[in-house]
Amino acid sequence: MKKFALTFAVLLSVSAPAFSGDPTAPVKEIMDATIKNWSGTDSDWVDIFDDSRLTRLYSKDFVTKYRAAVQNPAADEDGISPFDYDVIVNGQDACPLQDLAYAPKAAVNGTTEVVVTFKKATCMDDGSDKQAVTTVRFEVIDEGSNSVIDDVITEGDAGQPPNSLKNTMVLIAKGE
């Protein structure tokens, strides 16, 4: 009986949510995957929206919008992603990410904003500002006892407002 109780306790601890109460944890997992994707090595691309991450790291509302966007016939030809760009670096090209910093803000109305900054163009020879800092804001909420990403906000083009990934997914789902 002791062996069963110990085994059960171990299984519970392994399956328990790892992000309870830490709004930076799901953001760091997504950023770790993004860093790996742009590391410059010939590694396999890490899908930040694969089913295991999607249902564990993102809010139910985000997941619903993502799944609706994937259903759009105009979605990426590979049928894997509705996006034709990396939604974190906000582009199709980037260098190994440098000078990564996390800045969680105080929670407001149940949402904690985790601001991530990094340099993504340090290796570019196309006239890009190699020292430009990219800012991505992750809106993190608690769902049940888990901290999950509810939206990803990236900088808009010059003179344009920031881009909400949830809003983008709604537009993709509508075929826009």
Protein backbone atom coordinates (compact mmCIF):
# COMPACT_ATOMS: atom_id res chain seq x y z
CA MET A 1 0.00 0.00 0.00
CA LYS A 2 2.87 2.38 0.79
CA LYS A 3 4.36 1.71 -2.64
CA PHE A 4 1.02 2.54 -4.31
CA ALA A 5 0.64 5.77 -2.31
CA LEU A 6 4.19 6.83 -3.14
CA THR A 7 3.72 6.02 -6.83
CA PHE A 8 0.43 7.94 -6.88
CA ALA A 9 2.04 10.95 -5.18
CA VAL A 10 4.90 10.93 -7.69
CA LEU A 11 2.46 10.74 -10.61
CA LEU A 12 0.46 13.64 -9.21
CA SER A 13 3.55 15.79 -8.83
CA VAL A 14 4.69 15.01 -12.39
CA SER A 15 1.30 15.82 -13.93
CA ALA A 16 0.64 18.91 -11.80
CA PRO A 17 0.78 22.22 -13.66
CA ALA A 18 4.28 23.66 -13.65
CA PHE A 19 3.18 27.26 -14.12
CA SER A 20 0.80 27.84 -11.26
CA GLY A 21 1.20 31.39 -10.07
CA ASP A 22 4.28 32.24 -12.18
CA PRO A 23 3.27 34.43 -15.12
CA THR A 24 6.76 34.35 -16.63
CA ALA A 25 6.97 30.53 -16.85
CA PRO A 26 4.79 29.99 -19.97
CA VAL A 27 6.44 33.02 -21.61
CA LYS A 28 9.90 31.64 -20.92
CA GLU A 29 8.97 28.29 -22.47
CA ILE A 30 7.77 30.01 -25.64
CA MET A 31 10.82 32.25 -25.73
CA ASP A 32 13.16 29.27 -25.19
CA ALA A 33 11.59 27.60 -28.23
CA THR A 34 11.90 30.83 -30.25
CA ILE A 35 15.55 31.19 -29.24
CA LYS A 36 16.16 27.61 -30.38
CA ASN A 37 14.37 28.26 -33.68
CA TRP A 38 16.61 31.23 -34.47
CA SER A 39 19.81 29.81 -32.96
CA GLY A 40 21.53 29.47 -36.32
CA THR A 41 21.98 25.72 -35.96
CA ASP A 42 20.37 23.10 -38.16
CA SER A 43 17.91 22.00 -35.52
CA ASP A 44 14.32 21.03 -36.05
CA TRP A 45 11.88 23.93 -35.89
CA VAL A 46 9.97 24.01 -32.61
CA ASP A 47 6.27 24.65 -33.15
CA ILE A 48 5.16 26.96 -30.33
CA PHE A 49 1.57 25.98 -31.14
CA ASP A 50 1.91 22.20 -31.20
CA ASP A 51 -0.96 20.54 -29.39
CA SER A 52 0.97 19.84 -26.19
CA ARG A 53 1.98 23.50 -25.84
CA LEU A 54 -1.27 24.91 -27.17
CA THR A 55 -3.45 23.28 -24.54
CA ARG A 56 -0.94 23.77 -21.71
CA LEU A 57 0.52 27.25 -22.23
CA TYR A 58 -2.34 29.23 -23.78
CA SER A 59 -5.79 30.29 -22.53
CA LYS A 60 -8.93 28.51 -23.65
CA ASP A 61 -10.01 31.63 -25.57
CA PHE A 62 -6.63 31.80 -27.35
CA VAL A 63 -6.87 28.08 -28.24
CA THR A 64 -10.38 28.54 -29.64
CA LYS A 65 -9.23 31.44 -31.84
CA TYR A 66 -6.12 29.55 -32.96
CA ARG A 67 -8.12 26.46 -33.95
CA ALA A 68 -10.60 28.61 -35.87
CA ALA A 69 -7.73 30.30 -37.73
CA VAL A 70 -6.17 26.94 -38.65
CA GLN A 71 -9.48 25.90 -40.28
CA ASN A 72 -9.33 28.75 -42.78
CA PRO A 73 -8.56 27.38 -46.25
CA ALA A 74 -6.19 30.31 -46.75
CA ALA A 75 -4.08 29.09 -43.84
CA ASP A 76 -0.44 28.22 -44.42
CA GLU A 77 -0.12 25.63 -47.19
CA ASP A 78 1.53 23.10 -44.89
CA GLY A 79 -1.65 22.91 -42.85
CA ILE A 80 0.35 23.35 -39.67
CA SER A 81 0.06 27.04 -38.94
CA PRO A 82 -2.25 29.84 -39.98
CA PHE A 83 0.76 32.19 -39.98
CA ASP A 84 3.36 32.68 -42.69
CA TYR A 85 5.78 34.36 -40.27
CA ASP A 86 7.18 33.86 -36.79
CA VAL A 87 4.66 35.60 -34.55
CA ILE A 88 7.22 36.23 -31.79
CA VAL A 89 9.94 37.92 -33.87
CA ASN A 90 7.15 39.37 -36.02
CA GLY A 91 8.82 38.44 -39.28
CA GLN A 92 10.09 35.72 -41.59
CA ASP A 93 13.77 36.34 -40.92
CA ALA A 94 15.79 36.83 -37.78
CA CYS A 95 19.22 36.23 -36.37
CA PRO A 96 20.03 34.37 -33.17
CA LEU A 97 18.22 36.43 -30.54
CA GLN A 98 20.44 38.56 -28.32
CA ASP A 99 20.09 40.62 -25.16
CA LEU A 100 16.86 38.92 -24.09
CA ALA A 101 15.16 40.50 -21.07
CA TYR A 102 11.91 39.77 -19.23
CA ALA A 103 9.96 42.44 -17.35
CA PRO A 104 6.75 41.25 -15.69
CA LYS A 105 4.40 44.08 -14.76
CA ALA A 106 1.95 44.19 -11.87
CA ALA A 107 -1.32 42.39 -12.55
CA VAL A 108 -4.21 44.61 -13.69
CA ASN A 109 -7.75 43.20 -13.77
CA GLY A 110 -6.42 39.63 -13.61
CA THR A 111 -3.90 40.07 -16.44
CA THR A 112 -0.14 40.21 -15.96
CA GLU A 113 1.79 41.70 -18.82
CA VAL A 114 5.22 40.14 -19.34
CA VAL A 115 7.30 42.37 -21.58
CA VAL A 116 10.11 40.63 -23.46
CA THR A 117 12.77 42.57 -25.33
CA PHE A 118 15.54 41.27 -27.59
CA LYS A 119 17.64 42.09 -30.62
CA LYS A 120 16.75 40.03 -33.69
CA ALA A 121 18.72 41.65 -36.53
CA THR A 122 22.34 41.64 -35.32
CA CYS A 123 23.51 39.45 -38.23
CA MET A 124 21.57 41.19 -41.01
CA ASP A 125 23.43 42.83 -43.87
CA ASP A 126 20.37 44.33 -45.53
CA GLY A 127 20.51 47.76 -43.94
CA SER A 128 18.50 46.69 -40.90
CA ASP A 129 19.23 48.47 -37.66
CA LYS A 130 21.31 45.72 -36.05
CA GLN A 131 20.89 47.27 -32.61
CA ALA A 132 17.10 47.70 -32.84
CA VAL A 133 15.27 46.23 -29.90
CA THR A 134 12.11 44.23 -30.51
CA THR A 135 9.42 44.31 -27.84
CA VAL A 136 6.80 41.60 -27.40
CA ARG A 137 4.13 41.84 -24.71
CA PHE A 138 2.57 38.64 -23.44
CA GLU A 139 -0.75 38.97 -21.64
CA VAL A 140 -0.84 36.21 -19.03
CA ILE A 141 -3.90 35.20 -17.02
CA ASP A 142 -4.68 32.54 -14.46
CA GLU A 143 -7.02 29.84 -15.65
CA GLY A 144 -7.86 27.41 -12.93
CA SER A 145 -4.55 27.20 -11.11
CA ASN A 146 -2.37 27.76 -14.19
CA SER A 147 -0.73 30.86 -15.61
CA VAL A 148 -1.43 30.84 -19.35
CA ILE A 149 -0.79 33.19 -22.27
CA ASP A 150 -3.99 34.93 -23.35
CA ASP A 151 -2.51 37.14 -26.08
CA VAL A 152 0.77 38.11 -27.72
CA ILE A 153 1.14 41.76 -28.68
CA THR A 154 3.86 42.79 -31.12
CA GLU A 155 4.96 46.19 -32.37
CA GLY A 156 3.10 47.50 -35.38
CA ASP A 157 4.76 49.03 -38.42
CA ALA A 158 5.85 52.64 -38.05
CA GLY A 159 2.79 54.76 -37.30
CA GLN A 160 0.57 51.70 -36.79
CA PRO A 161 -0.87 50.37 -33.53
CA PRO A 162 0.47 47.21 -31.88
CA ASN A 163 -0.70 43.85 -33.26
CA SER A 164 -2.78 41.52 -31.13
CA LEU A 165 -2.26 37.91 -32.14
CA LYS A 166 -5.80 37.06 -31.04
CA ASN A 167 -7.19 39.78 -33.31
CA THR A 168 -5.00 38.50 -36.15
CA MET A 169 -6.38 34.97 -35.64
CA VAL A 170 -9.96 36.26 -35.75
CA LEU A 171 -9.21 37.97 -39.08
CA ILE A 172 -7.56 34.83 -40.47
CA ALA A 173 -10.58 32.74 -39.41
CA LYS A 174 -12.80 35.18 -41.34
CA GLY A 175 -10.59 34.81 -44.42
CA GLU A 176 -9.17 38.32 -44.18
